[in-house]
Amino acid sequence: MGPPESDPWQGRDPGDCAGVDEVGRGCLFGPVFAAAVVLPAAALKPLAGLGLTDSKKLTARRRAALVPVIQRLAASWALGQASAAEIDRGGIRLATELAMARALQKLSCPFELLLVDGVLPLRGWHGDQRTMVRGDSHCLAIAAASVLAKEARDALITALAERYPGYGLERHAGYGTALHRAALQNLGTTPLHRHSFLGRLELSAPGTRGDSR
């Protein structure tokens, strides 16, 4: 029997563990982002007191307020991403793993255990790792990673909305909402859309909507 959810670190010092999470896996536009975070034990109580949890359960204002606190209290944190082109070439799981690996490679401190949100392990990782279902609700290091990744990706997509107006990217962050699908049918795709995700939508030829700058 594995360790209880109250001990995601498997008896280790929390500072010897890195949490990793991704955002943007199901979007039609833009990169998938990942963040990796190492939290020392002293950071857990303050972050729990601020209500840190799964980024999807937090308001945009609360997430934004948590970002500088996480960055200040973390022993190390880093971001990684994989592009829409990489998603189209290798599929979303491989691209997500690339984003996670890129974030982990940027961490400035060593760690012993990798904590991965979800059920799928990070393939190619040679150290100890543990997958955690709903890890972003049960492990503060993973929750911190989810907040940093979402805030970073949302900021990028908001900036890209100015380059590619008319798609409503600033409103749906690239997800396949009715607004986004209608814009795709009217405007066609951009070079940053995930063409392998577009299915049977009747769209203009990929890449016909160029950079509008």
Protein backbone atom coordinates (compact mmCIF):
# COMPACT_ATOMS: atom_id res chain seq x y z
CA MET A 1 0.00 0.00 0.00
CA GLY A 2 1.34 3.38 -0.94
CA PRO A 3 1.75 6.35 1.38
CA PRO A 4 -1.35 8.34 2.34
CA GLU A 5 -2.36 11.40 0.38
CA SER A 6 -1.41 13.48 3.44
CA ASP A 7 2.22 12.51 2.80
CA PRO A 8 2.82 13.08 -0.92
CA TRP A 9 6.55 13.26 -0.20
CA GLN A 10 6.70 9.60 0.89
CA GLY A 11 8.39 10.46 4.16
CA ARG A 12 11.04 12.68 2.57
CA ASP A 13 11.77 16.29 3.38
CA PRO A 14 9.44 18.30 1.09
CA GLY A 15 12.49 20.25 -0.03
CA ASP A 16 13.84 17.06 -1.59
CA CYS A 17 10.82 16.78 -3.91
CA ALA A 18 9.77 18.62 -7.06
CA GLY A 19 6.16 18.99 -8.15
CA VAL A 20 5.38 19.31 -11.85
CA ASP A 21 2.13 20.11 -13.64
CA GLU A 22 0.98 21.22 -17.08
CA VAL A 23 -1.69 23.53 -18.49
CA GLY A 24 -3.17 23.93 -21.94
CA ARG A 25 -3.24 20.25 -22.81
CA GLY A 26 -6.70 20.42 -24.42
CA CYS A 27 -6.39 23.75 -26.24
CA LEU A 28 -6.70 24.25 -29.98
CA PHE A 29 -4.15 27.10 -30.04
CA GLY A 30 -0.68 27.72 -28.69
CA PRO A 31 1.88 25.81 -26.67
CA VAL A 32 1.38 23.49 -23.74
CA PHE A 33 3.07 24.85 -20.60
CA ALA A 34 4.54 23.11 -17.59
CA ALA A 35 6.03 24.34 -14.34
CA ALA A 36 8.24 22.61 -11.80
CA VAL A 37 8.48 23.76 -8.19
CA VAL A 38 10.53 22.72 -5.16
CA LEU A 39 9.00 23.94 -1.90
CA PRO A 40 10.95 23.79 1.37
CA ALA A 41 9.02 22.64 4.42
CA ALA A 42 8.89 26.21 5.74
CA ALA A 43 6.86 27.30 2.70
CA LEU A 44 4.01 24.83 3.18
CA LYS A 45 2.11 26.45 6.04
CA PRO A 46 2.17 30.00 4.58
CA LEU A 47 1.02 28.78 1.16
CA ALA A 48 -1.69 26.57 2.65
CA GLY A 49 -2.86 29.56 4.69
CA LEU A 50 -3.21 31.58 1.50
CA GLY A 51 -5.46 28.90 0.03
CA LEU A 52 -3.06 27.46 -2.54
CA THR A 53 -4.73 24.64 -4.46
CA ASP A 54 -5.46 23.50 -8.00
CA SER A 55 -5.23 26.58 -10.23
CA LYS A 56 -8.61 25.75 -11.82
CA LYS A 57 -10.27 26.23 -8.43
CA LEU A 58 -8.80 29.70 -7.90
CA THR A 59 -9.98 33.03 -9.25
CA ALA A 60 -7.69 34.89 -11.63
CA ARG A 61 -7.07 37.50 -8.92
CA ARG A 62 -6.09 34.86 -6.35
CA ARG A 63 -3.76 33.11 -8.80
CA ALA A 64 -2.06 36.39 -9.67
CA ALA A 65 -1.58 37.19 -5.98
CA LEU A 66 -0.08 33.76 -5.30
CA VAL A 67 2.54 33.91 -8.07
CA PRO A 68 5.04 36.27 -6.35
CA VAL A 69 4.57 34.45 -3.04
CA ILE A 70 5.30 31.06 -4.63
CA GLN A 71 8.31 32.46 -6.43
CA ARG A 72 9.64 34.00 -3.20
CA LEU A 73 9.11 30.96 -0.97
CA ALA A 74 10.14 28.24 -3.41
CA ALA A 75 13.62 26.80 -3.21
CA SER A 76 13.49 26.70 -7.01
CA TRP A 77 10.91 27.05 -9.76
CA ALA A 78 11.00 26.96 -13.55
CA LEU A 79 8.79 26.93 -16.64
CA GLY A 80 8.89 24.88 -19.82
CA GLN A 81 6.76 24.72 -22.93
CA ALA A 82 6.27 22.78 -26.13
CA SER A 83 4.97 24.47 -29.27
CA ALA A 84 1.89 23.78 -31.35
CA ALA A 85 4.19 22.46 -34.07
CA GLU A 86 5.74 19.99 -31.62
CA ILE A 87 2.25 18.91 -30.56
CA ASP A 88 1.29 18.30 -34.20
CA ARG A 89 4.49 16.35 -34.87
CA GLY A 90 4.60 14.11 -31.82
CA GLY A 91 1.21 14.23 -30.16
CA ILE A 92 0.09 15.92 -26.99
CA ARG A 93 1.52 13.41 -24.51
CA LEU A 94 5.04 13.68 -25.92
CA ALA A 95 4.75 17.47 -26.10
CA THR A 96 3.56 17.62 -22.50
CA GLU A 97 6.52 15.48 -21.44
CA LEU A 98 8.87 17.79 -23.35
CA ALA A 99 7.43 20.81 -21.53
CA MET A 100 7.79 19.08 -18.16
CA ALA A 101 11.34 17.94 -18.87
CA ARG A 102 12.32 21.44 -20.00
CA ALA A 103 10.98 22.92 -16.76
CA LEU A 104 12.73 20.31 -14.62
CA GLN A 105 16.04 20.85 -16.40
CA LYS A 106 15.93 24.53 -15.41
CA LEU A 107 15.55 23.92 -11.66
CA SER A 108 18.53 25.30 -9.76
CA CYS A 109 18.53 22.78 -6.91
CA PRO A 110 18.72 18.97 -6.85
CA PHE A 111 15.81 16.83 -5.66
CA GLU A 112 15.19 13.16 -4.93
CA LEU A 113 11.53 12.57 -5.84
CA LEU A 114 9.47 13.87 -8.74
CA LEU A 115 5.74 14.33 -8.06
CA VAL A 116 3.70 14.29 -11.29
CA ASP A 117 0.06 15.34 -11.49
CA GLY A 118 -2.22 12.71 -13.05
CA VAL A 119 -1.88 9.01 -13.80
CA LEU A 120 0.81 9.01 -16.48
CA PRO A 121 4.48 8.95 -15.43
CA LEU A 122 7.04 11.16 -17.10
CA ARG A 123 8.66 8.79 -19.58
CA GLY A 124 12.41 9.04 -19.83
CA TRP A 125 12.79 10.29 -16.25
CA HIS A 126 15.47 8.17 -14.60
CA GLY A 127 14.95 9.26 -11.01
CA ASP A 128 12.25 8.30 -8.52
CA GLN A 129 8.83 9.61 -9.38
CA ARG A 130 5.27 9.30 -8.15
CA THR A 131 2.09 10.06 -10.07
CA MET A 132 -0.77 11.60 -8.12
CA VAL A 133 -4.40 11.69 -9.25
CA ARG A 134 -5.66 15.21 -8.56
CA GLY A 135 -2.21 16.00 -7.30
CA ASP A 136 -2.84 19.71 -7.70
CA SER A 137 -5.49 19.40 -4.97
CA HIS A 138 -3.43 17.19 -2.63
CA CYS A 139 0.18 18.35 -2.98
CA LEU A 140 1.23 21.97 -2.54
CA ALA A 141 4.29 21.63 -4.78
CA ILE A 142 2.10 20.43 -7.65
CA ALA A 143 -0.52 23.09 -6.88
CA ALA A 144 2.19 25.75 -6.99
CA ALA A 145 3.36 24.41 -10.34
CA SER A 146 -0.19 24.51 -11.70
CA VAL A 147 -0.58 28.16 -10.67
CA LEU A 148 2.73 29.27 -12.18
CA ALA A 149 2.12 27.38 -15.42
CA LYS A 150 -1.41 28.71 -15.86
CA GLU A 151 -0.50 32.32 -15.14
CA ALA A 152 2.47 32.17 -17.52
CA ARG A 153 0.49 30.54 -20.32
CA ASP A 154 -2.48 32.88 -19.91
CA ALA A 155 -0.16 35.90 -20.11
CA LEU A 156 1.40 34.57 -23.32
CA ILE A 157 -1.95 33.84 -24.95
CA THR A 158 -3.25 37.29 -23.99
CA ALA A 159 -0.21 38.83 -25.70
CA LEU A 160 -0.73 36.62 -28.76
CA ALA A 161 -4.36 37.75 -28.94
CA GLU A 162 -3.07 41.12 -30.15
CA ARG A 163 -1.08 39.43 -32.91
CA TYR A 164 -4.02 37.28 -33.97
CA PRO A 165 -7.16 39.38 -33.38
CA GLY A 166 -10.65 38.07 -34.01
CA TYR A 167 -10.30 34.68 -32.35
CA GLY A 168 -11.15 35.81 -28.82
CA LEU A 169 -7.97 34.29 -27.44
CA GLU A 170 -7.95 36.73 -24.54
CA ARG A 171 -11.31 35.28 -23.46
CA HIS A 172 -10.84 31.51 -23.83
CA ALA A 173 -7.02 31.10 -23.75
CA GLY A 174 -7.12 28.92 -26.86
CA TYR A 175 -9.66 26.34 -25.72
CA GLY A 176 -12.28 25.06 -28.15
CA THR A 177 -15.20 27.24 -27.15
CA ALA A 178 -18.08 28.01 -29.51
CA LEU A 179 -16.61 31.49 -30.03
CA HIS A 180 -13.23 30.06 -30.97
CA ARG A 181 -14.67 27.45 -33.35
CA ALA A 182 -16.83 30.05 -35.07
CA ALA A 183 -13.80 32.31 -35.52
CA LEU A 184 -11.84 29.40 -37.00
CA GLN A 185 -14.57 28.75 -39.53
CA ASN A 186 -14.68 32.44 -40.49
CA LEU A 187 -10.98 33.30 -40.39
CA GLY A 188 -9.17 30.00 -40.94
CA THR A 189 -6.22 28.89 -38.85
CA THR A 190 -3.05 30.62 -37.74
CA PRO A 191 0.47 29.15 -37.63
CA LEU A 192 0.01 28.67 -33.88
CA HIS A 193 -3.11 26.54 -34.07
CA ARG A 194 -2.79 22.82 -33.35
CA HIS A 195 -3.92 21.49 -36.70
CA SER A 196 -3.97 17.92 -35.43
CA PHE A 197 -6.63 19.00 -32.89
CA LEU A 198 -9.05 20.61 -35.34
CA GLY A 199 -10.80 17.42 -36.39
CA ARG A 200 -13.62 17.80 -38.89
CA LEU A 201 -14.02 21.57 -38.70
CA GLU A 202 -14.30 23.03 -42.20
CA LEU A 203 -11.46 25.50 -42.14
CA SER A 204 -9.29 27.47 -44.49
CA ALA A 205 -5.92 25.98 -45.35
CA PRO A 206 -3.55 25.81 -42.35
CA GLY A 207 -1.44 28.88 -41.88
CA THR A 208 -3.42 31.13 -44.24
CA ARG A 209 -3.93 33.63 -41.45
CA GLY A 210 -0.45 35.04 -41.03
CA ASP A 211 1.14 37.35 -38.50
CA SER A 212 -0.97 40.48 -38.40
CA ARG A 213 1.74 42.79 -37.13
